[in-house]
C-alpha atoms as a PDB file:
ATOM      1  CA  MET A   1     120.735  86.408  96.881  1.00  0.00           C
ATOM      2  CA  SER A   2     120.249  88.699  99.872  1.00  0.00           C
ATOM      3  CA  GLY A   3     121.260  87.671 103.383  1.00  0.00           C
ATOM      4  CA  ASN A   4     117.672  88.425 104.428  1.00  0.00           C
ATOM      5  CA  PRO A   5     115.679  85.145 104.178  1.00  0.00           C
ATOM      6  CA  TYR A   6     112.556  87.126 103.254  1.00  0.00           C
ATOM      7  CA  GLN A   7     114.068  88.881 100.250  1.00  0.00           C
ATOM      8  CA  ASP A   8     114.916  86.054  97.828  1.00  0.00           C
ATOM      9  CA  ASP A   9     113.336  87.108  94.525  1.00  0.00           C
ATOM     10  CA  HIS A  10     113.162  83.490  93.449  1.00  0.00           C
ATOM     11  CA  GLY A  11     111.012  82.429  96.399  1.00  0.00           C
ATOM     12  CA  ASN A  12     111.920  81.303  99.901  1.00  0.00           C
ATOM     13  CA  HIS A  13     112.104  77.964 101.640  1.00  0.00           C
ATOM     14  CA  ASP A  14     113.411  79.161 105.018  1.00  0.00           C
ATOM     15  CA  ALA A  15     110.905  77.799 107.514  1.00  0.00           C
ATOM     16  CA  SER A  16     112.596  79.034 110.668  1.00  0.00           C
ATOM     17  CA  ILE A  17     109.927  81.644 111.413  1.00  0.00           C
ATOM     18  CA  THR A  18     107.153  79.085 111.173  1.00  0.00           C
ATOM     19  CA  ASN A  19     106.500  75.695 112.726  1.00  0.00           C
ATOM     20  CA  ARG A  20     104.621  73.996 109.965  1.00  0.00           C
ATOM     21  CA  SER A  21     104.033  70.373 108.977  1.00  0.00           C
ATOM     22  CA  GLY A  22     101.511  68.250 107.178  1.00  0.00           C
ATOM     23  CA  GLY A  23      98.495  69.282 105.174  1.00  0.00           C
ATOM     24  CA  GLY A  24      94.754  68.750 105.123  1.00  0.00           C
ATOM     25  CA  HIS A  25      92.471  67.356 102.476  1.00  0.00           C
ATOM     26  CA  MET A  26      88.946  68.477 101.667  1.00  0.00           C
ATOM     27  CA  ASP A  27      86.871  69.087  98.567  1.00  0.00           C
ATOM     28  CA  SER A  28      84.870  72.244  98.048  1.00  0.00           C
ATOM     29  CA  ALA A  29      81.603  72.163  99.942  1.00  0.00           C
ATOM     30  CA  PRO A  30      78.442  71.687  97.857  1.00  0.00           C
ATOM     31  CA  GLY A  31      76.600  74.940  97.367  1.00  0.00           C
ATOM     32  CA  SER A  32      79.509  77.107  98.489  1.00  0.00           C
ATOM     33  CA  ALA A  33      79.894  78.727  95.059  1.00  0.00           C
ATOM     34  CA  ALA A  34      83.611  77.971  95.293  1.00  0.00           C
ATOM     35  CA  LYS A  35      85.040  77.324  91.829  1.00  0.00           C
ATOM     36  CA  MET A  36      88.496  76.221  92.989  1.00  0.00           C
ATOM     37  CA  HIS A  37      89.511  72.844  94.313  1.00  0.00           C
ATOM     38  CA  THR A  38      90.552  73.082  97.977  1.00  0.00           C
ATOM     39  CA  GLY A  39      91.757  69.497  98.403  1.00  0.00           C
ATOM     40  CA  ASP A  40      95.219  70.452  99.635  1.00  0.00           C
ATOM     41  CA  ALA A  41      94.190  73.555 101.554  1.00  0.00           C
ATOM     42  CA  PHE A  42      95.983  74.081 104.863  1.00  0.00           C
ATOM     43  CA  LEU A  43      93.249  76.162 106.509  1.00  0.00           C
ATOM     44  CA  ILE A  44      89.624  75.581 105.574  1.00  0.00           C
ATOM     45  CA  GLY A  45      86.467  77.193 106.838  1.00  0.00           C
ATOM     46  CA  ASP A  46      83.923  74.825 105.289  1.00  0.00           C
ATOM     47  CA  SER A  47      80.270  75.789 104.680  1.00  0.00           C
ATOM     48  CA  MET A  48      80.292  78.192 107.616  1.00  0.00           C
ATOM     49  CA  THR A  49      76.920  79.501 108.788  1.00  0.00           C
ATOM     50  CA  GLY A  50      76.655  81.610 111.935  1.00  0.00           C
ATOM     51  CA  GLY A  51      76.790  84.977 113.629  1.00  0.00           C
ATOM     52  CA  TYR A  52      77.708  86.682 116.882  1.00  0.00           C
ATOM     53  CA  GLY A  53      76.199  85.475 120.136  1.00  0.00           C
ATOM     54  CA  LYS A  54      73.984  82.480 120.685  1.00  0.00           C
ATOM     55  CA  THR A  55      70.808  84.123 119.466  1.00  0.00           C
ATOM     56  CA  GLY A  56      72.037  86.716 116.989  1.00  0.00           C
ATOM     57  CA  PRO A  57      71.158  86.526 113.317  1.00  0.00           C
ATOM     58  CA  ASP A  58      73.357  84.586 110.886  1.00  0.00           C
ATOM     59  CA  ILE A  59      75.885  86.742 109.100  1.00  0.00           C
ATOM     60  CA  LEU A  60      77.597  83.944 107.196  1.00  0.00           C
ATOM     61  CA  HIS A  61      75.579  81.690 104.957  1.00  0.00           C
ATOM     62  CA  ASN A  62      77.231  78.459 103.803  1.00  0.00           C
ATOM     63  CA  CYS A  63      80.487  80.348 103.319  1.00  0.00           C
ATOM     64  CA  THR A  64      83.667  78.474 102.409  1.00  0.00           C
ATOM     65  CA  ILE A  65      87.133  79.985 102.710  1.00  0.00           C
ATOM     66  CA  ALA A  66      90.431  78.105 102.207  1.00  0.00           C
ATOM     67  CA  VAL A  67      94.120  78.880 101.874  1.00  0.00           C
ATOM     68  CA  ASN A  68      96.982  76.603 100.896  1.00  0.00           C
ATOM     69  CA  LYS A  69     100.488  76.545 102.366  1.00  0.00           C
ATOM     70  CA  GLY A  70     102.541  79.552 101.414  1.00  0.00           C
ATOM     71  CA  GLU A  71      99.661  81.127  99.552  1.00  0.00           C
ATOM     72  CA  ILE A  72      97.955  84.488  99.907  1.00  0.00           C
ATOM     73  CA  ALA A  73      94.161  84.258  99.959  1.00  0.00           C
ATOM     74  CA  VAL A  74      92.186  87.518  99.938  1.00  0.00           C
ATOM     75  CA  ILE A  75      88.577  88.111 100.976  1.00  0.00           C
ATOM     76  CA  VAL A  76      86.963  91.105  99.255  1.00  0.00           C
ATOM     77  CA  GLY A  77      83.468  92.440  98.758  1.00  0.00           C
ATOM     78  CA  PRO A  78      81.185  95.374  99.517  1.00  0.00           C
ATOM     79  CA  ASN A  79      80.788  96.896 102.972  1.00  0.00           C
ATOM     80  CA  GLY A  80      78.744  94.655 105.250  1.00  0.00           C
ATOM     81  CA  ALA A  81      79.459  91.554 103.135  1.00  0.00           C
ATOM     82  CA  GLY A  82      80.752  89.577 106.105  1.00  0.00           C
ATOM     83  CA  LYS A  83      84.415  89.648 105.106  1.00  0.00           C
ATOM     84  CA  SER A  84      85.862  90.204 108.597  1.00  0.00           C
ATOM     85  CA  THR A  85      83.219  87.910 110.055  1.00  0.00           C
ATOM     86  CA  ALA A  86      84.356  85.078 107.774  1.00  0.00           C
ATOM     87  CA  MET A  87      87.937  85.535 108.927  1.00  0.00           C
ATOM     88  CA  LYS A  88      86.940  85.741 112.585  1.00  0.00           C
ATOM     89  CA  ALA A  89      84.909  82.559 112.159  1.00  0.00           C
ATOM     90  CA  THR A  90      88.054  80.684 111.114  1.00  0.00           C
ATOM     91  CA  PHE A  91      89.748  82.028 114.261  1.00  0.00           C
ATOM     92  CA  GLY A  92      86.924  80.934 116.568  1.00  0.00           C
ATOM     93  CA  MET A  93      85.566  84.382 117.430  1.00  0.00           C
ATOM     94  CA  LEU A  94      81.947  83.599 116.704  1.00  0.00           C
ATOM     95  CA  ASN A  95      79.591  80.642 116.971  1.00  0.00           C
ATOM     96  CA  LEU A  96      79.086  78.426 113.927  1.00  0.00           C
ATOM     97  CA  ARG A  97      75.662  76.888 113.638  1.00  0.00           C
ATOM     98  CA  GLN A  98      76.795  74.841 110.678  1.00  0.00           C
ATOM     99  CA  GLY A  99      80.096  74.022 109.061  1.00  0.00           C
ATOM    100  CA  ALA A 100      83.580  73.297 110.337  1.00  0.00           C
ATOM    101  CA  VAL A 101      87.079  74.752 110.446  1.00  0.00           C
ATOM    102  CA  ARG A 102      90.113  72.570 109.775  1.00  0.00           C
ATOM    103  CA  LEU A 103      93.780  73.393 110.184  1.00  0.00           C
ATOM    104  CA  ASP A 104      96.432  71.038 108.867  1.00  0.00           C
ATOM    105  CA  GLY A 105      93.750  68.288 108.513  1.00  0.00           C
ATOM    106  CA  GLU A 106      92.592  68.656 112.125  1.00  0.00           C
ATOM    107  CA  ASP A 107      89.082  69.758 113.033  1.00  0.00           C
ATOM    108  CA  ILE A 108      89.499  72.841 115.267  1.00  0.00           C
ATOM    109  CA  THR A 109      85.853  73.984 115.163  1.00  0.00           C
ATOM    110  CA  ASP A 110      85.432  73.705 118.937  1.00  0.00           C
ATOM    111  CA  LEU A 111      88.739  75.267 119.947  1.00  0.00           C
ATOM    112  CA  SER A 112      88.979  78.712 121.480  1.00  0.00           C
ATOM    113  CA  PRO A 113      91.007  81.443 119.741  1.00  0.00           C
ATOM    114  CA  GLN A 114      93.737  80.989 122.351  1.00  0.00           C
ATOM    115  CA  ASP A 115      94.005  77.284 121.583  1.00  0.00           C
ATOM    116  CA  ARG A 116      94.098  78.054 117.856  1.00  0.00           C
ATOM    117  CA  VAL A 117      97.122  80.292 118.416  1.00  0.00           C
ATOM    118  CA  VAL A 118      98.850  77.323 120.068  1.00  0.00           C
ATOM    119  CA  LYS A 119      97.920  75.227 117.041  1.00  0.00           C
ATOM    120  CA  GLY A 120      99.631  77.712 114.743  1.00  0.00           C
ATOM    121  CA  MET A 121      97.202  80.543 113.911  1.00  0.00           C
ATOM    122  CA  GLY A 122      98.185  84.211 114.163  1.00  0.00           C
ATOM    123  CA  PHE A 123      95.573  86.943 113.986  1.00  0.00           C
ATOM    124  CA  VAL A 124      96.093  90.659 113.486  1.00  0.00           C
ATOM    125  CA  PRO A 125      92.869  92.652 114.034  1.00  0.00           C
ATOM    126  CA  GLN A 126      92.234  95.911 112.150  1.00  0.00           C
ATOM    127  CA  THR A 127      92.227  98.131 115.265  1.00  0.00           C
ATOM    128  CA  SER A 128      93.589  98.005 118.826  1.00  0.00           C
ATOM    129  CA  ASN A 129      96.274  95.592 117.602  1.00  0.00           C
ATOM    130  CA  ILE A 130      99.288  96.930 119.568  1.00  0.00           C
ATOM    131  CA  PHE A 131     100.165  97.829 123.148  1.00  0.00           C
ATOM    132  CA  THR A 132     100.616 101.564 122.731  1.00  0.00           C
ATOM    133  CA  SER A 133     102.389 102.237 126.044  1.00  0.00           C
ATOM    134  CA  MET A 134     104.927  99.493 125.507  1.00  0.00           C
ATOM    135  CA  THR A 135     108.037  99.795 123.357  1.00  0.00           C
ATOM    136  CA  VAL A 136     108.231  98.142 119.950  1.00  0.00           C
ATOM    137  CA  GLU A 137     110.502  95.423 121.339  1.00  0.00           C
ATOM    138  CA  GLU A 138     108.194  94.804 124.278  1.00  0.00           C
ATOM    139  CA  ASN A 139     105.326  94.369 121.837  1.00  0.00           C
ATOM    140  CA  LEU A 140     107.329  91.746 119.962  1.00  0.00           C
ATOM    141  CA  GLU A 141     108.235  90.007 123.223  1.00  0.00           C
ATOM    142  CA  MET A 142     104.535  89.830 124.082  1.00  0.00           C
ATOM    143  CA  GLY A 143     104.039  87.954 120.819  1.00  0.00           C
ATOM    144  CA  ALA A 144     106.336  85.217 122.108  1.00  0.00           C
ATOM    145  CA  PHE A 145     104.126  84.483 125.093  1.00  0.00           C
ATOM    146  CA  ILE A 146     103.495  80.890 124.010  1.00  0.00           C
ATOM    147  CA  ARG A 147     107.159  80.183 123.287  1.00  0.00           C
ATOM    148  CA  ARG A 148     109.310  78.156 125.651  1.00  0.00           C
ATOM    149  CA  ASP A 149     112.411  78.289 123.474  1.00  0.00           C
ATOM    150  CA  ASP A 150     114.856  81.074 122.611  1.00  0.00           C
ATOM    151  CA  TYR A 151     112.935  83.512 120.383  1.00  0.00           C
ATOM    152  CA  ARG A 152     115.782  85.920 119.672  1.00  0.00           C
ATOM    153  CA  ASP A 153     116.357  84.521 116.187  1.00  0.00           C
ATOM    154  CA  THR A 154     112.707  85.091 115.339  1.00  0.00           C
ATOM    155  CA  MET A 155     112.918  88.658 116.592  1.00  0.00           C
ATOM    156  CA  ALA A 156     116.002  89.217 114.437  1.00  0.00           C
ATOM    157  CA  GLN A 157     114.058  87.966 111.419  1.00  0.00           C
ATOM    158  CA  VAL A 158     111.188  90.318 112.194  1.00  0.00           C
ATOM    159  CA  TYR A 159     113.672  93.186 112.360  1.00  0.00           C
ATOM    160  CA  ASP A 160     115.087  92.100 108.985  1.00  0.00           C
ATOM    161  CA  LEU A 161     111.568  92.069 107.559  1.00  0.00           C
ATOM    162  CA  PHE A 162     110.686  95.466 109.061  1.00  0.00           C
ATOM    163  CA  PRO A 163     114.003  97.419 109.486  1.00  0.00           C
ATOM    164  CA  ILE A 164     112.214 100.515 110.810  1.00  0.00           C
ATOM    165  CA  LEU A 165     111.118  98.489 113.855  1.00  0.00           C
ATOM    166  CA  LYS A 166     114.704  97.724 114.788  1.00  0.00           C
ATOM    167  CA  GLU A 167     115.505 101.433 114.511  1.00  0.00           C
ATOM    168  CA  LYS A 168     112.587 102.317 116.771  1.00  0.00           C
ATOM    169  CA  ARG A 169     112.670  99.250 119.032  1.00  0.00           C
ATOM    170  CA  ARG A 170     113.092 101.366 122.203  1.00  0.00           C
ATOM    171  CA  GLN A 171     110.280 103.759 121.249  1.00  0.00           C
ATOM    172  CA  ALA A 172     106.705 103.493 122.528  1.00  0.00           C
ATOM    173  CA  ALA A 173     104.626 101.818 119.873  1.00  0.00           C
ATOM    174  CA  GLY A 174     101.889 104.372 120.305  1.00  0.00           C
ATOM    175  CA  GLU A 175     104.187 107.064 118.990  1.00  0.00           C
ATOM    176  CA  LEU A 176     104.621 105.348 115.597  1.00  0.00           C
ATOM    177  CA  SER A 177     102.859 106.147 112.348  1.00  0.00           C
ATOM    178  CA  GLY A 178      99.872 104.064 111.256  1.00  0.00           C
ATOM    179  CA  GLY A 179     101.919 101.981 108.864  1.00  0.00           C
ATOM    180  CA  GLN A 180     104.623 101.352 111.453  1.00  0.00           C
ATOM    181  CA  ARG A 181     102.012 100.289 113.977  1.00  0.00           C
ATOM    182  CA  GLN A 182     100.747  97.729 111.477  1.00  0.00           C
ATOM    183  CA  GLN A 183     104.286  96.419 111.110  1.00  0.00           C
ATOM    184  CA  VAL A 184     104.488  96.026 114.881  1.00  0.00           C
ATOM    185  CA  ALA A 185     101.190  94.159 114.886  1.00  0.00           C
ATOM    186  CA  VAL A 186     102.269  91.789 112.093  1.00  0.00           C
ATOM    187  CA  GLY A 187     105.684  91.324 113.675  1.00  0.00           C
ATOM    188  CA  ARG A 188     104.167  90.427 117.027  1.00  0.00           C
ATOM    189  CA  ALA A 189     101.981  87.798 115.359  1.00  0.00           C
ATOM    190  CA  LEU A 190     105.007  86.367 113.599  1.00  0.00           C
ATOM    191  CA  MET A 191     106.754  85.945 116.957  1.00  0.00           C
ATOM    192  CA  THR A 192     104.431  83.010 117.686  1.00  0.00           C
ATOM    193  CA  GLN A 193     105.893  81.154 114.670  1.00  0.00           C
ATOM    194  CA  PRO A 194     102.444  80.784 113.047  1.00  0.00           C
ATOM    195  CA  LYS A 195     101.570  78.331 110.309  1.00  0.00           C
ATOM    196  CA  VAL A 196      98.844  80.657 109.036  1.00  0.00           C
ATOM    197  CA  LEU A 197      98.510  84.427 109.491  1.00  0.00           C
ATOM    198  CA  LEU A 198      95.115  86.174 109.447  1.00  0.00           C
ATOM    199  CA  LEU A 199      95.192  89.896 108.592  1.00  0.00           C
ATOM    200  CA  ASP A 200      92.056  92.041 108.946  1.00  0.00           C
ATOM    201  CA  GLU A 201      92.352  95.173 106.796  1.00  0.00           C
ATOM    202  CA  PRO A 202      96.135  95.525 107.204  1.00  0.00           C
ATOM    203  CA  THR A 203      96.298  98.615 104.954  1.00  0.00           C
ATOM    204  CA  ALA A 204      93.317 100.486 106.403  1.00  0.00           C
ATOM    205  CA  GLY A 205      94.049 104.183 106.782  1.00  0.00           C
ATOM    206  CA  VAL A 206      97.558 104.154 105.352  1.00  0.00           C
ATOM    207  CA  SER A 207      98.930 105.980 102.318  1.00  0.00           C
ATOM    208  CA  PRO A 208      99.263 104.228  98.934  1.00  0.00           C
ATOM    209  CA  ILE A 209     103.033 104.108  99.338  1.00  0.00           C
ATOM    210  CA  VAL A 210     102.760 102.462 102.746  1.00  0.00           C
ATOM    211  CA  MET A 211     100.130 100.081 101.405  1.00  0.00           C
ATOM    212  CA  ASP A 212     102.481  98.914  98.643  1.00  0.00           C
ATOM    213  CA  GLU A 213     105.251  98.414 101.226  1.00  0.00           C
ATOM    214  CA  LEU A 214     103.012  96.387 103.482  1.00  0.00           C
ATOM    215  CA  PHE A 215     101.888  94.235 100.563  1.00  0.00           C
ATOM    216  CA  ASP A 216     105.530  93.622  99.672  1.00  0.00           C
ATOM    217  CA  ARG A 217     106.250  92.438 103.200  1.00  0.00           C
ATOM    218  CA  ILE A 218     103.179  90.204 103.157  1.00  0.00           C
ATOM    219  CA  ILE A 219     104.461  88.576  99.969  1.00  0.00           C
ATOM    220  CA  GLU A 220     107.821  87.990 101.667  1.00  0.00           C
ATOM    221  CA  VAL A 221     106.131  86.348 104.678  1.00  0.00           C
ATOM    222  CA  ALA A 222     104.204  84.014 102.363  1.00  0.00           C
ATOM    223  CA  ARG A 223     107.457  83.044 100.667  1.00  0.00           C
ATOM    224  CA  THR A 224     108.615  81.442 103.948  1.00  0.00           C
ATOM    225  CA  GLY A 225     105.736  78.982 103.702  1.00  0.00           C
ATOM    226  CA  ILE A 226     103.300  80.761 106.015  1.00  0.00           C
ATOM    227  CA  SER A 227      99.738  80.832 104.694  1.00  0.00           C
ATOM    228  CA  ILE A 228      98.165  84.305 104.558  1.00  0.00           C
ATOM    229  CA  LEU A 229      94.414  84.912 104.807  1.00  0.00           C
ATOM    230  CA  MET A 230      93.653  88.595 104.401  1.00  0.00           C
ATOM    231  CA  VAL A 231      90.550  90.814 104.379  1.00  0.00           C
ATOM    232  CA  GLU A 232      91.009  93.952 102.279  1.00  0.00           C
ATOM    233  CA  GLN A 233      88.979  96.967 101.191  1.00  0.00           C
ATOM    234  CA  ASN A 234      91.643  97.837  98.584  1.00  0.00           C
ATOM    235  CA  ALA A 235      90.329  94.957  96.468  1.00  0.00           C
ATOM    236  CA  ARG A 236      92.156  95.575  93.205  1.00  0.00           C
ATOM    237  CA  GLN A 237      95.562  95.933  94.830  1.00  0.00           C
ATOM    238  CA  ALA A 238      94.959  92.935  97.099  1.00  0.00           C
ATOM    239  CA  LEU A 239      93.864  90.693  94.219  1.00  0.00           C
ATOM    240  CA  GLU A 240      97.027  91.643  92.340  1.00  0.00           C
ATOM    241  CA  ILE A 241      99.125  89.815  94.976  1.00  0.00           C
ATOM    242  CA  ALA A 242      96.589  87.038  95.748  1.00  0.00           C
ATOM    243  CA  ASP A 243      96.997  83.419  94.773  1.00  0.00           C
ATOM    244  CA  LYS A 244      93.310  82.996  95.547  1.00  0.00           C
ATOM    245  CA  GLY A 245      90.452  85.435  95.972  1.00  0.00           C
ATOM    246  CA  TYR A 246      87.000  85.226  97.525  1.00  0.00           C
ATOM    247  CA  VAL A 247      84.301  87.768  96.784  1.00  0.00           C
ATOM    248  CA  LEU A 248      81.604  87.707  99.454  1.00  0.00           C
ATOM    249  CA  VAL A 249      78.142  89.212  99.168  1.00  0.00           C
ATOM    250  CA  GLN A 250      75.752  89.165 102.145  1.00  0.00           C
ATOM    251  CA  GLY A 251      77.844  86.541 103.947  1.00  0.00           C
ATOM    252  CA  ALA A 252      77.930  84.076 101.051  1.00  0.00           C
ATOM    253  CA  ASN A 253      80.439  83.197  98.316  1.00  0.00           C
ATOM    254  CA  ALA A 254      79.691  85.112  95.149  1.00  0.00           C
ATOM    255  CA  HIS A 255      82.909  84.612  93.169  1.00  0.00           C
ATOM    256  CA  THR A 256      86.006  82.503  93.802  1.00  0.00           C
ATOM    257  CA  GLY A 257      89.149  82.209  91.686  1.00  0.00           C
ATOM    258  CA  THR A 258      92.751  83.145  91.370  1.00  0.00           C
ATOM    259  CA  GLY A 259      93.526  86.790  91.931  1.00  0.00           C
ATOM    260  CA  LYS A 260      94.366  87.119  88.231  1.00  0.00           C
ATOM    261  CA  ASP A 261      91.097  85.503  87.138  1.00  0.00           C
ATOM    262  CA  LEU A 262      88.964  87.689  89.391  1.00  0.00           C
ATOM    263  CA  LEU A 263      90.682  90.820  88.137  1.00  0.00           C
ATOM    264  CA  ALA A 264      89.876  89.738  84.571  1.00  0.00           C
ATOM    265  CA  ASP A 265      86.255  88.752  85.278  1.00  0.00           C
ATOM    266  CA  PRO A 266      83.999  91.428  83.760  1.00  0.00           C
ATOM    267  CA  GLU A 267      81.258  90.911  86.384  1.00  0.00           C
ATOM    268  CA  VAL A 268      83.703  91.181  89.269  1.00  0.00           C
ATOM    269  CA  ARG A 269      85.350  94.244  87.721  1.00  0.00           C
ATOM    270  CA  GLN A 270      82.010  95.981  87.140  1.00  0.00           C
ATOM    271  CA  SER A 271      80.422  95.136  90.481  1.00  0.00           C
ATOM    272  CA  PHE A 272      83.331  95.304  92.892  1.00  0.00           C
ATOM    273  CA  LEU A 273      86.349  96.915  91.269  1.00  0.00           C
ATOM    274  CA  GLY A 274      84.853 100.012  89.707  1.00  0.00           C
ATOM    275  CA  GLY A 275      84.846  98.717  86.110  1.00  0.00           C
END
């Protein structure tokens, strides 16, 4: 076994990078088109209907998204399907007209994104997700803004997970490659010791080799017990690592299943994966 807690090929039970406890309970919402039981899901966006602003049109329509502890859940679908909107709804970035969001059994529907971070949610947006003029290490330190304890062990774990960041820790983050910037963004989110990590298009604009590396690191994070909810355009590759997958169409659930089942579904393959 490696000395790196994220690189145990047999799974990982080191919880030192996360501050998790408990678990929620909820059944799938009627009419959500969800085919999987979500009774033990840690994060649940239940029957979410809503859009941006108080008077804007609804983008989500009775959409249900859930992820269990230590699992990777992936949201895929065509452009304009509401994938990022569904994730942002779980993080409190838009108004829900119907539905609820629960984390660890607690209703957090009315909490601000800032308060959800304190509760244990980490969010990495697709763009503008680093402080370009700051060094890599300063970016990571910014991620520890809610911490009142010694975060040096967490930073060491982030450097173990992303060795290139340790090598470039004194370099301005804006000088890094696209893939390295994404590592900084994920590392900064991990500095909050999240219970669940939301990733919006983490492999957008990177090469296939970098995409595979990022997916490997995401798997390693999930092995520590952190739940991962991820939006991805690279649907086939994302479903290959997913415990659970959600296919959205026009803001509603179209298909839900394990990543393996969705990859084998002829309708999903034909409509969303290129056959």
